[in-house]
Amino acid sequence: MSGYVYVLAAYVLWGMLGIYWNLLHPVNEFEVMAHRILWGFVVIIIITCVIPSKRVKLIHFIRGIHTNRGELVRLCVASVAISTNWFVFIYAMMNGAAIEASLGLYITPLVSILIGVIVFHDRVNRCLVTAIALAFTGILVTYGLGTFPFIALMLALTSGVYGLAKKKVKLDAVVGMAVETMIATPVAIGILLFFYSQHSLMFGSSIQVSMKLVLAGLLTVLPLLWFSKGVQTVSLTTVGFFQYITPTIVFLMGVFVFQSAVAVVEWMAFGLIWSSLLLYSLTLKKRKSSNSIKVLYPWLVRVNE
């Protein structure tokens, strides 16, 4: 049962982070993202160095980077994708767009599978094709509001690109995140220096704000550690069902915490998307396999290495 608790806790915390980002007003979204990357790197590199097996893998990767530039390129793409994903989610939570963010998180599995079909020619059955079609119909329905669902699509696409980049990377989740945040940290420092030069850096303005920004790093790493621990004893198919916890929390947060109004058109869109996810879930149950989950989380099979 401990594995289920770890995975459940990870998904719940990922969802609840929306409230945390909202509490960081009036800090600029770019500064929040920069601190998340910087302190996330500090936390994950400490953890990596403390665990001997992780430390050995990181050192081995750094020493051999000149012989495997393809791996470095893929990790750079992954770093850009996950950093963009973090920023879009932070922006959504700090600007009252939780409902649209949840829509993007809901369709992420299907977008990832679609990318797998387009890039790797992965095979899907008719049920999955129907599910993907329903999901994108739901996205099109949101045009009825007269706005382009930029946040939803960016969250789904960046997650999909992240999975695509990680598909052939031979690092586990923890070491992979250490490298990805290492790559992004110079950019994060550059952003913070820019805000400092403009006299608009909020870090240091008060102990409370500074502590919240530092804590962002721990809150970024903690669910990943729980997830990596839990998935060792939980089937990947079960993980596929659990992944809906995060968008559901974000959706409920938008309705009841941020009190965002949900238009009729949005309910129609969510109805189509929820129907598509039901089909997708039935496909997982029917196949009793983890192939489609490996499309979403290509690094999961390596968490024990």
C-alpha atoms as a PDB file:
ATOM      1  CA  MET A   1       0.000   0.000   0.000  1.00  0.00           C
ATOM      2  CA  SER A   2       2.926   2.364   0.587  1.00  0.00           C
ATOM      3  CA  GLY A   3       3.519   2.585  -3.170  1.00  0.00           C
ATOM      4  CA  TYR A   4      -0.042   3.720  -3.762  1.00  0.00           C
ATOM      5  CA  VAL A   5       0.275   6.298  -0.987  1.00  0.00           C
ATOM      6  CA  TYR A   6       3.457   7.743  -2.500  1.00  0.00           C
ATOM      7  CA  VAL A   7       1.967   8.003  -6.006  1.00  0.00           C
ATOM      8  CA  LEU A   8      -1.292   9.431  -4.661  1.00  0.00           C
ATOM      9  CA  ALA A   9       0.584  11.985  -2.540  1.00  0.00           C
ATOM     10  CA  ALA A  10       2.654  13.045  -5.567  1.00  0.00           C
ATOM     11  CA  TYR A  11      -0.386  13.683  -7.758  1.00  0.00           C
ATOM     12  CA  VAL A  12      -2.227  15.492  -4.943  1.00  0.00           C
ATOM     13  CA  LEU A  13       0.743  17.775  -4.279  1.00  0.00           C
ATOM     14  CA  TRP A  14       1.168  18.499  -8.005  1.00  0.00           C
ATOM     15  CA  GLY A  15      -2.463  19.602  -8.047  1.00  0.00           C
ATOM     16  CA  MET A  16      -2.299  21.597  -4.817  1.00  0.00           C
ATOM     17  CA  LEU A  17       0.754  23.518  -6.030  1.00  0.00           C
ATOM     18  CA  GLY A  18      -1.701  25.746  -7.871  1.00  0.00           C
ATOM     19  CA  ILE A  19      -2.724  27.328  -4.569  1.00  0.00           C
ATOM     20  CA  TYR A  20       0.915  27.829  -3.614  1.00  0.00           C
ATOM     21  CA  TRP A  21       1.747  29.694  -6.825  1.00  0.00           C
ATOM     22  CA  ASN A  22      -1.321  31.880  -6.330  1.00  0.00           C
ATOM     23  CA  LEU A  23      -0.084  32.805  -2.845  1.00  0.00           C
ATOM     24  CA  LEU A  24       3.088  34.269  -4.356  1.00  0.00           C
ATOM     25  CA  HIS A  25       1.365  37.425  -5.593  1.00  0.00           C
ATOM     26  CA  PRO A  26       2.665  40.044  -6.356  1.00  0.00           C
ATOM     27  CA  VAL A  27       5.898  38.317  -7.444  1.00  0.00           C
ATOM     28  CA  ASN A  28       6.297  38.294 -11.226  1.00  0.00           C
ATOM     29  CA  GLU A  29       5.615  34.912 -12.859  1.00  0.00           C
ATOM     30  CA  PHE A  30       9.061  34.856 -14.479  1.00  0.00           C
ATOM     31  CA  GLU A  31      10.752  35.404 -11.131  1.00  0.00           C
ATOM     32  CA  VAL A  32       8.674  32.617  -9.572  1.00  0.00           C
ATOM     33  CA  MET A  33       9.690  30.247 -12.367  1.00  0.00           C
ATOM     34  CA  ALA A  34      13.352  31.265 -12.049  1.00  0.00           C
ATOM     35  CA  HIS A  35      13.350  30.542  -8.320  1.00  0.00           C
ATOM     36  CA  ARG A  36      11.562  27.242  -8.891  1.00  0.00           C
ATOM     37  CA  ILE A  37      14.321  26.172 -11.292  1.00  0.00           C
ATOM     38  CA  LEU A  38      17.208  27.523  -9.198  1.00  0.00           C
ATOM     39  CA  TRP A  39      16.145  26.128  -5.825  1.00  0.00           C
ATOM     40  CA  GLY A  40      14.833  22.977  -7.440  1.00  0.00           C
ATOM     41  CA  PHE A  41      18.324  22.434  -8.838  1.00  0.00           C
ATOM     42  CA  VAL A  42      19.902  23.053  -5.425  1.00  0.00           C
ATOM     43  CA  VAL A  43      17.592  20.530  -3.730  1.00  0.00           C
ATOM     44  CA  ILE A  44      17.838  17.835  -6.420  1.00  0.00           C
ATOM     45  CA  ILE A  45      21.630  18.124  -6.713  1.00  0.00           C
ATOM     46  CA  ILE A  46      21.995  17.716  -2.924  1.00  0.00           C
ATOM     47  CA  ILE A  47      19.767  14.637  -3.004  1.00  0.00           C
ATOM     48  CA  THR A  48      21.645  13.241  -6.001  1.00  0.00           C
ATOM     49  CA  CYS A  49      25.003  13.705  -4.278  1.00  0.00           C
ATOM     50  CA  VAL A  50      23.763  12.139  -1.028  1.00  0.00           C
ATOM     51  CA  ILE A  51      22.512   8.953  -2.717  1.00  0.00           C
ATOM     52  CA  PRO A  52      25.619   7.041  -3.927  1.00  0.00           C
ATOM     53  CA  SER A  53      23.949   5.327  -6.899  1.00  0.00           C
ATOM     54  CA  LYS A  54      22.517   8.626  -8.171  1.00  0.00           C
ATOM     55  CA  ARG A  55      25.829  10.423  -7.649  1.00  0.00           C
ATOM     56  CA  VAL A  56      27.681   7.788  -9.670  1.00  0.00           C
ATOM     57  CA  LYS A  57      25.174   8.071 -12.533  1.00  0.00           C
ATOM     58  CA  LEU A  58      25.391  11.866 -12.611  1.00  0.00           C
ATOM     59  CA  ILE A  59      29.202  11.845 -12.604  1.00  0.00           C
ATOM     60  CA  HIS A  60      29.247   9.158 -15.292  1.00  0.00           C
ATOM     61  CA  PHE A  61      26.869  11.219 -17.438  1.00  0.00           C
ATOM     62  CA  ILE A  62      28.891  14.426 -17.072  1.00  0.00           C
ATOM     63  CA  ARG A  63      32.174  12.668 -17.871  1.00  0.00           C
ATOM     64  CA  GLY A  64      30.757  10.992 -20.958  1.00  0.00           C
ATOM     65  CA  ILE A  65      28.754  13.917 -22.292  1.00  0.00           C
ATOM     66  CA  HIS A  66      31.253  14.627 -25.082  1.00  0.00           C
ATOM     67  CA  THR A  67      30.700  11.135 -26.501  1.00  0.00           C
ATOM     68  CA  ASN A  68      26.916  11.294 -26.442  1.00  0.00           C
ATOM     69  CA  ARG A  69      25.858  14.683 -27.704  1.00  0.00           C
ATOM     70  CA  GLY A  70      22.536  13.280 -28.869  1.00  0.00           C
ATOM     71  CA  GLU A  71      21.598  12.571 -25.262  1.00  0.00           C
ATOM     72  CA  LEU A  72      22.587  16.113 -24.290  1.00  0.00           C
ATOM     73  CA  VAL A  73      20.443  17.581 -27.078  1.00  0.00           C
ATOM     74  CA  ARG A  74      17.448  15.524 -25.935  1.00  0.00           C
ATOM     75  CA  LEU A  75      17.957  16.670 -22.353  1.00  0.00           C
ATOM     76  CA  CYS A  76      18.207  20.297 -23.513  1.00  0.00           C
ATOM     77  CA  VAL A  77      14.888  19.909 -25.335  1.00  0.00           C
ATOM     78  CA  ALA A  78      13.412  18.281 -22.226  1.00  0.00           C
ATOM     79  CA  SER A  79      14.727  21.135 -20.073  1.00  0.00           C
ATOM     80  CA  VAL A  80      13.147  23.786 -22.306  1.00  0.00           C
ATOM     81  CA  ALA A  81       9.874  21.840 -22.448  1.00  0.00           C
ATOM     82  CA  ILE A  82       9.527  21.295 -18.695  1.00  0.00           C
ATOM     83  CA  SER A  83      10.609  24.876 -17.891  1.00  0.00           C
ATOM     84  CA  THR A  84       7.996  26.224 -20.306  1.00  0.00           C
ATOM     85  CA  ASN A  85       5.401  23.880 -18.816  1.00  0.00           C
ATOM     86  CA  TRP A  86       6.206  25.126 -15.320  1.00  0.00           C
ATOM     87  CA  PHE A  87       5.952  28.750 -16.398  1.00  0.00           C
ATOM     88  CA  VAL A  88       2.613  28.294 -18.176  1.00  0.00           C
ATOM     89  CA  PHE A  89       1.120  26.528 -15.153  1.00  0.00           C
ATOM     90  CA  ILE A  90       2.447  29.180 -12.760  1.00  0.00           C
ATOM     91  CA  TYR A  91       1.079  31.915 -15.033  1.00  0.00           C
ATOM     92  CA  ALA A  92      -2.318  30.207 -15.171  1.00  0.00           C
ATOM     93  CA  MET A  93      -2.548  29.837 -11.403  1.00  0.00           C
ATOM     94  CA  MET A  94      -1.495  33.432 -10.749  1.00  0.00           C
ATOM     95  CA  ASN A  95      -3.871  34.884 -13.346  1.00  0.00           C
ATOM     96  CA  GLY A  96      -7.165  33.109 -12.700  1.00  0.00           C
ATOM     97  CA  ALA A  97      -6.879  30.510 -15.480  1.00  0.00           C
ATOM     98  CA  ALA A  98      -7.107  27.339 -13.376  1.00  0.00           C
ATOM     99  CA  ILE A  99     -10.055  25.985 -15.382  1.00  0.00           C
ATOM    100  CA  GLU A 100      -8.186  26.243 -18.685  1.00  0.00           C
ATOM    101  CA  ALA A 101      -5.064  24.789 -17.067  1.00  0.00           C
ATOM    102  CA  SER A 102      -7.038  21.767 -15.876  1.00  0.00           C
ATOM    103  CA  LEU A 103      -8.327  21.281 -19.410  1.00  0.00           C
ATOM    104  CA  GLY A 104      -4.745  21.143 -20.666  1.00  0.00           C
ATOM    105  CA  LEU A 105      -3.751  18.673 -17.955  1.00  0.00           C
ATOM    106  CA  TYR A 106      -6.713  16.442 -18.790  1.00  0.00           C
ATOM    107  CA  ILE A 107      -5.807  16.171 -22.471  1.00  0.00           C
ATOM    108  CA  THR A 108      -2.062  15.694 -21.849  1.00  0.00           C
ATOM    109  CA  PRO A 109      -2.199  11.854 -22.011  1.00  0.00           C
ATOM    110  CA  LEU A 110      -3.981  11.890 -25.360  1.00  0.00           C
ATOM    111  CA  VAL A 111      -1.696  14.579 -26.808  1.00  0.00           C
ATOM    112  CA  SER A 112       1.318  12.500 -25.733  1.00  0.00           C
ATOM    113  CA  ILE A 113      -0.124   9.439 -27.452  1.00  0.00           C
ATOM    114  CA  LEU A 114      -0.848  11.497 -30.582  1.00  0.00           C
ATOM    115  CA  ILE A 115       2.777  12.691 -30.645  1.00  0.00           C
ATOM    116  CA  GLY A 116       3.874   9.067 -30.341  1.00  0.00           C
ATOM    117  CA  VAL A 117       1.692   8.176 -33.332  1.00  0.00           C
ATOM    118  CA  ILE A 118       3.040  11.048 -35.448  1.00  0.00           C
ATOM    119  CA  VAL A 119       6.731  10.762 -34.548  1.00  0.00           C
ATOM    120  CA  PHE A 120       7.239   7.087 -33.756  1.00  0.00           C
ATOM    121  CA  HIS A 121       4.295   5.664 -35.712  1.00  0.00           C
ATOM    122  CA  ASP A 122       2.954   4.014 -32.562  1.00  0.00           C
ATOM    123  CA  ARG A 123      -0.094   1.881 -33.196  1.00  0.00           C
ATOM    124  CA  VAL A 124      -3.420   2.792 -31.600  1.00  0.00           C
ATOM    125  CA  ASN A 125      -6.782   1.062 -31.789  1.00  0.00           C
ATOM    126  CA  ARG A 126     -10.072   2.608 -32.864  1.00  0.00           C
ATOM    127  CA  CYS A 127     -11.034   3.320 -29.290  1.00  0.00           C
ATOM    128  CA  LEU A 128      -7.974   5.518 -28.782  1.00  0.00           C
ATOM    129  CA  VAL A 129      -8.504   7.243 -32.132  1.00  0.00           C
ATOM    130  CA  THR A 130     -12.058   8.068 -31.054  1.00  0.00           C
ATOM    131  CA  ALA A 131     -10.800   9.307 -27.679  1.00  0.00           C
ATOM    132  CA  ILE A 132      -8.263  11.626 -29.318  1.00  0.00           C
ATOM    133  CA  ALA A 133     -10.911  12.922 -31.740  1.00  0.00           C
ATOM    134  CA  LEU A 134     -13.315  13.649 -28.869  1.00  0.00           C
ATOM    135  CA  ALA A 135     -10.610  15.486 -26.921  1.00  0.00           C
ATOM    136  CA  PHE A 136      -9.728  17.752 -29.823  1.00  0.00           C
ATOM    137  CA  THR A 137     -13.398  18.353 -30.538  1.00  0.00           C
ATOM    138  CA  GLY A 138     -13.619  19.538 -26.949  1.00  0.00           C
ATOM    139  CA  ILE A 139     -10.738  21.928 -27.572  1.00  0.00           C
ATOM    140  CA  LEU A 140     -12.454  23.260 -30.703  1.00  0.00           C
ATOM    141  CA  VAL A 141     -15.656  23.810 -28.727  1.00  0.00           C
ATOM    142  CA  THR A 142     -13.801  26.252 -26.471  1.00  0.00           C
ATOM    143  CA  TYR A 143     -13.583  28.542 -29.488  1.00  0.00           C
ATOM    144  CA  GLY A 144     -17.215  29.260 -28.663  1.00  0.00           C
ATOM    145  CA  LEU A 145     -15.892  31.506 -25.908  1.00  0.00           C
ATOM    146  CA  GLY A 146     -14.082  33.559 -28.530  1.00  0.00           C
ATOM    147  CA  THR A 147     -10.649  32.842 -27.095  1.00  0.00           C
ATOM    148  CA  PHE A 148      -7.869  30.514 -28.177  1.00  0.00           C
ATOM    149  CA  PRO A 149      -7.119  27.881 -25.472  1.00  0.00           C
ATOM    150  CA  PHE A 150      -3.428  28.797 -25.470  1.00  0.00           C
ATOM    151  CA  ILE A 151      -2.729  27.759 -21.879  1.00  0.00           C
ATOM    152  CA  ALA A 152      -4.423  24.371 -22.261  1.00  0.00           C
ATOM    153  CA  LEU A 153      -2.619  23.533 -25.483  1.00  0.00           C
ATOM    154  CA  MET A 154       0.758  24.757 -24.230  1.00  0.00           C
ATOM    155  CA  LEU A 155       0.525  22.608 -21.099  1.00  0.00           C
ATOM    156  CA  ALA A 156      -0.415  19.541 -23.127  1.00  0.00           C
ATOM    157  CA  LEU A 157       2.123  20.125 -25.908  1.00  0.00           C
ATOM    158  CA  THR A 158       5.062  20.886 -23.618  1.00  0.00           C
ATOM    159  CA  SER A 159       4.299  17.740 -21.606  1.00  0.00           C
ATOM    160  CA  GLY A 160       4.122  15.781 -24.842  1.00  0.00           C
ATOM    161  CA  VAL A 161       7.414  17.195 -26.117  1.00  0.00           C
ATOM    162  CA  TYR A 162       9.000  16.468 -22.736  1.00  0.00           C
ATOM    163  CA  GLY A 163       7.938  12.833 -22.964  1.00  0.00           C
ATOM    164  CA  LEU A 164       9.145  12.685 -26.557  1.00  0.00           C
ATOM    165  CA  ALA A 165      12.584  14.044 -25.624  1.00  0.00           C
ATOM    166  CA  LYS A 166      12.895  11.691 -22.652  1.00  0.00           C
ATOM    167  CA  LYS A 167      11.880   8.590 -24.577  1.00  0.00           C
ATOM    168  CA  LYS A 168      15.465   7.639 -25.460  1.00  0.00           C
ATOM    169  CA  VAL A 169      17.264   9.214 -22.509  1.00  0.00           C
ATOM    170  CA  LYS A 170      18.956   6.570 -20.349  1.00  0.00           C
ATOM    171  CA  LEU A 171      18.692   8.466 -17.065  1.00  0.00           C
ATOM    172  CA  ASP A 172      16.157   7.868 -14.317  1.00  0.00           C
ATOM    173  CA  ALA A 173      13.745  10.562 -13.138  1.00  0.00           C
ATOM    174  CA  VAL A 174      15.885  11.961 -10.321  1.00  0.00           C
ATOM    175  CA  VAL A 175      19.207  12.188 -12.186  1.00  0.00           C
ATOM    176  CA  GLY A 176      17.370  13.374 -15.292  1.00  0.00           C
ATOM    177  CA  MET A 177      15.787  16.223 -13.364  1.00  0.00           C
ATOM    178  CA  ALA A 178      19.188  17.140 -11.911  1.00  0.00           C
ATOM    179  CA  VAL A 179      20.598  17.513 -15.428  1.00  0.00           C
ATOM    180  CA  GLU A 180      17.517  19.323 -16.763  1.00  0.00           C
ATOM    181  CA  THR A 181      17.509  21.910 -13.974  1.00  0.00           C
ATOM    182  CA  MET A 182      21.295  22.231 -14.312  1.00  0.00           C
ATOM    183  CA  ILE A 183      20.783  23.178 -17.960  1.00  0.00           C
ATOM    184  CA  ALA A 184      18.027  25.672 -17.105  1.00  0.00           C
ATOM    185  CA  THR A 185      19.737  27.233 -14.071  1.00  0.00           C
ATOM    186  CA  PRO A 186      21.932  29.734 -16.018  1.00  0.00           C
ATOM    187  CA  VAL A 187      18.776  31.079 -17.679  1.00  0.00           C
ATOM    188  CA  ALA A 188      17.055  31.283 -14.292  1.00  0.00           C
ATOM    189  CA  ILE A 189      19.994  33.216 -12.841  1.00  0.00           C
ATOM    190  CA  GLY A 190      19.918  35.533 -15.867  1.00  0.00           C
ATOM    191  CA  ILE A 191      16.223  36.252 -15.261  1.00  0.00           C
ATOM    192  CA  LEU A 192      16.871  37.035 -11.596  1.00  0.00           C
ATOM    193  CA  LEU A 193      19.792  39.321 -12.482  1.00  0.00           C
ATOM    194  CA  PHE A 194      17.544  41.169 -14.936  1.00  0.00           C
ATOM    195  CA  PHE A 195      14.901  41.771 -12.264  1.00  0.00           C
ATOM    196  CA  TYR A 196      17.647  42.871  -9.876  1.00  0.00           C
ATOM    197  CA  SER A 197      18.990  45.354 -12.436  1.00  0.00           C
ATOM    198  CA  GLN A 198      15.474  46.753 -12.824  1.00  0.00           C
ATOM    199  CA  HIS A 199      15.082  47.055  -9.036  1.00  0.00           C
ATOM    200  CA  SER A 200      12.024  44.808  -9.225  1.00  0.00           C
ATOM    201  CA  LEU A 201      13.399  41.631  -7.653  1.00  0.00           C
ATOM    202  CA  MET A 202      10.995  40.498  -4.926  1.00  0.00           C
ATOM    203  CA  PHE A 203      13.420  38.015  -3.368  1.00  0.00           C
ATOM    204  CA  GLY A 204      14.804  39.687  -0.248  1.00  0.00           C
ATOM    205  CA  SER A 205      11.906  42.115   0.030  1.00  0.00           C
ATOM    206  CA  SER A 206      10.667  40.196   3.075  1.00  0.00           C
ATOM    207  CA  ILE A 207      11.498  36.993   4.932  1.00  0.00           C
ATOM    208  CA  GLN A 208       8.077  35.531   4.092  1.00  0.00           C
ATOM    209  CA  VAL A 209       8.388  36.096   0.350  1.00  0.00           C
ATOM    210  CA  SER A 210      11.979  34.859   0.244  1.00  0.00           C
ATOM    211  CA  MET A 211      11.139  31.683   2.174  1.00  0.00           C
ATOM    212  CA  LYS A 212       8.177  30.958  -0.102  1.00  0.00           C
ATOM    213  CA  LEU A 213      10.390  31.293  -3.174  1.00  0.00           C
ATOM    214  CA  VAL A 214      13.070  29.017  -1.716  1.00  0.00           C
ATOM    215  CA  LEU A 215      10.410  26.497  -0.686  1.00  0.00           C
ATOM    216  CA  ALA A 216       9.279  26.375  -4.326  1.00  0.00           C
ATOM    217  CA  GLY A 217      12.370  24.292  -5.056  1.00  0.00           C
ATOM    218  CA  LEU A 218      11.553  21.679  -2.429  1.00  0.00           C
ATOM    219  CA  LEU A 219       7.912  21.535  -3.549  1.00  0.00           C
ATOM    220  CA  THR A 220       9.126  20.912  -7.097  1.00  0.00           C
ATOM    221  CA  VAL A 221      11.382  18.013  -6.139  1.00  0.00           C
ATOM    222  CA  LEU A 222       9.321  16.378  -3.378  1.00  0.00           C
ATOM    223  CA  PRO A 223       6.459  15.002  -5.527  1.00  0.00           C
ATOM    224  CA  LEU A 224       8.974  13.649  -8.041  1.00  0.00           C
ATOM    225  CA  LEU A 225      10.730  11.722  -5.263  1.00  0.00           C
ATOM    226  CA  TRP A 226       7.414  10.367  -3.989  1.00  0.00           C
ATOM    227  CA  PHE A 227       6.375   9.427  -7.500  1.00  0.00           C
ATOM    228  CA  SER A 228       9.680   7.679  -8.229  1.00  0.00           C
ATOM    229  CA  LYS A 229       9.433   5.790  -4.936  1.00  0.00           C
ATOM    230  CA  GLY A 230       5.803   4.783  -5.359  1.00  0.00           C
ATOM    231  CA  VAL A 231       5.977   3.669  -8.971  1.00  0.00           C
ATOM    232  CA  GLN A 232       8.454   0.951  -8.006  1.00  0.00           C
ATOM    233  CA  THR A 233       5.574  -1.123  -6.583  1.00  0.00           C
ATOM    234  CA  VAL A 234       2.560   0.274  -8.464  1.00  0.00           C
ATOM    235  CA  SER A 235       1.654  -0.916 -11.954  1.00  0.00           C
ATOM    236  CA  LEU A 236       2.017   1.642 -14.730  1.00  0.00           C
ATOM    237  CA  THR A 237      -1.611   1.043 -15.702  1.00  0.00           C
ATOM    238  CA  THR A 238      -2.662   2.140 -12.218  1.00  0.00           C
ATOM    239  CA  VAL A 239      -0.474   5.210 -12.621  1.00  0.00           C
ATOM    240  CA  GLY A 240      -2.442   5.905 -15.801  1.00  0.00           C
ATOM    241  CA  PHE A 241      -5.658   6.123 -13.805  1.00  0.00           C
ATOM    242  CA  PHE A 242      -4.076   8.120 -10.979  1.00  0.00           C
ATOM    243  CA  GLN A 243      -2.854  10.815 -13.360  1.00  0.00           C
ATOM    244  CA  TYR A 244      -6.366  12.318 -13.504  1.00  0.00           C
ATOM    245  CA  ILE A 245      -6.099  13.328  -9.850  1.00  0.00           C
ATOM    246  CA  THR A 246      -3.981  16.404 -10.610  1.00  0.00           C
ATOM    247  CA  PRO A 247      -6.245  18.000 -13.263  1.00  0.00           C
ATOM    248  CA  THR A 248      -9.322  17.201 -11.159  1.00  0.00           C
ATOM    249  CA  ILE A 249      -7.810  19.016  -8.173  1.00  0.00           C
ATOM    250  CA  VAL A 250      -6.909  21.987 -10.378  1.00  0.00           C
ATOM    251  CA  PHE A 251     -10.443  22.038 -11.852  1.00  0.00           C
ATOM    252  CA  LEU A 252     -12.098  21.929  -8.413  1.00  0.00           C
ATOM    253  CA  MET A 253      -9.642  24.548  -7.208  1.00  0.00           C
ATOM    254  CA  GLY A 254     -10.666  26.842 -10.039  1.00  0.00           C
ATOM    255  CA  VAL A 255     -14.376  26.428  -9.287  1.00  0.00           C
ATOM    256  CA  PHE A 256     -14.411  26.465  -5.480  1.00  0.00           C
ATOM    257  CA  VAL A 257     -11.200  28.214  -4.386  1.00  0.00           C
ATOM    258  CA  PHE A 258     -10.647  30.792  -7.115  1.00  0.00           C
ATOM    259  CA  GLN A 259     -14.406  30.896  -7.853  1.00  0.00           C
ATOM    260  CA  SER A 260     -13.943  30.952 -11.614  1.00  0.00           C
ATOM    261  CA  ALA A 261     -17.197  30.884 -13.553  1.00  0.00           C
ATOM    262  CA  VAL A 262     -17.543  27.904 -15.914  1.00  0.00           C
ATOM    263  CA  ALA A 263     -19.483  28.847 -19.054  1.00  0.00           C
ATOM    264  CA  VAL A 264     -21.892  26.455 -20.767  1.00  0.00           C
ATOM    265  CA  VAL A 265     -19.447  26.096 -23.659  1.00  0.00           C
ATOM    266  CA  GLU A 266     -16.710  25.085 -21.216  1.00  0.00           C
ATOM    267  CA  TRP A 267     -18.965  22.445 -19.659  1.00  0.00           C
ATOM    268  CA  MET A 268     -19.577  21.080 -23.152  1.00  0.00           C
ATOM    269  CA  ALA A 269     -15.832  20.988 -23.808  1.00  0.00           C
ATOM    270  CA  PHE A 270     -15.127  19.231 -20.524  1.00  0.00           C
ATOM    271  CA  GLY A 271     -17.944  16.777 -21.226  1.00  0.00           C
ATOM    272  CA  LEU A 272     -16.290  15.775 -24.493  1.00  0.00           C
ATOM    273  CA  ILE A 273     -12.854  15.562 -22.898  1.00  0.00           C
ATOM    274  CA  TRP A 274     -14.079  13.517 -19.931  1.00  0.00           C
ATOM    275  CA  SER A 275     -15.791  11.173 -22.391  1.00  0.00           C
ATOM    276  CA  SER A 276     -12.522  10.810 -24.303  1.00  0.00           C
ATOM    277  CA  LEU A 277     -10.670  10.015 -21.076  1.00  0.00           C
ATOM    278  CA  LEU A 278     -13.276   7.399 -20.194  1.00  0.00           C
ATOM    279  CA  LEU A 279     -12.607   5.690 -23.521  1.00  0.00           C
ATOM    280  CA  TYR A 280      -8.867   5.943 -22.920  1.00  0.00           C
ATOM    281  CA  SER A 281      -9.235   4.440 -19.440  1.00  0.00           C
ATOM    282  CA  LEU A 282     -11.347   1.581 -20.777  1.00  0.00           C
ATOM    283  CA  THR A 283      -8.604   0.906 -23.321  1.00  0.00           C
ATOM    284  CA  LEU A 284      -6.021   0.685 -20.532  1.00  0.00           C
ATOM    285  CA  LYS A 285      -8.204  -1.707 -18.562  1.00  0.00           C
ATOM    286  CA  LYS A 286      -8.997  -3.852 -21.580  1.00  0.00           C
ATOM    287  CA  ARG A 287      -5.377  -4.171 -22.686  1.00  0.00           C
ATOM    288  CA  LYS A 288      -4.077  -4.750 -19.171  1.00  0.00           C
ATOM    289  CA  SER A 289      -0.739  -3.480 -20.430  1.00  0.00           C
ATOM    290  CA  SER A 290       1.453  -0.477 -19.799  1.00  0.00           C
ATOM    291  CA  ASN A 291       2.485   0.352 -23.359  1.00  0.00           C
ATOM    292  CA  SER A 292       0.449   3.548 -23.591  1.00  0.00           C
ATOM    293  CA  ILE A 293       1.646   4.631 -20.153  1.00  0.00           C
ATOM    294  CA  LYS A 294       5.257   4.235 -21.295  1.00  0.00           C
ATOM    295  CA  VAL A 295       4.450   6.732 -24.046  1.00  0.00           C
ATOM    296  CA  LEU A 296       3.506   9.248 -21.348  1.00  0.00           C
ATOM    297  CA  TYR A 297       6.286   8.409 -18.890  1.00  0.00           C
ATOM    298  CA  PRO A 298       9.178   6.915 -20.910  1.00  0.00           C
ATOM    299  CA  TRP A 299      11.528   7.227 -17.946  1.00  0.00           C
ATOM    300  CA  LEU A 300       9.332   5.276 -15.523  1.00  0.00           C
ATOM    301  CA  VAL A 301      10.792   1.929 -16.525  1.00  0.00           C
ATOM    302  CA  ARG A 302      14.187   3.184 -15.344  1.00  0.00           C
ATOM    303  CA  VAL A 303      13.316   4.456 -11.856  1.00  0.00           C
ATOM    304  CA  ASN A 304      14.836   1.389 -10.213  1.00  0.00           C
ATOM    305  CA  GLU A 305      18.110   1.431 -12.111  1.00  0.00           C
END
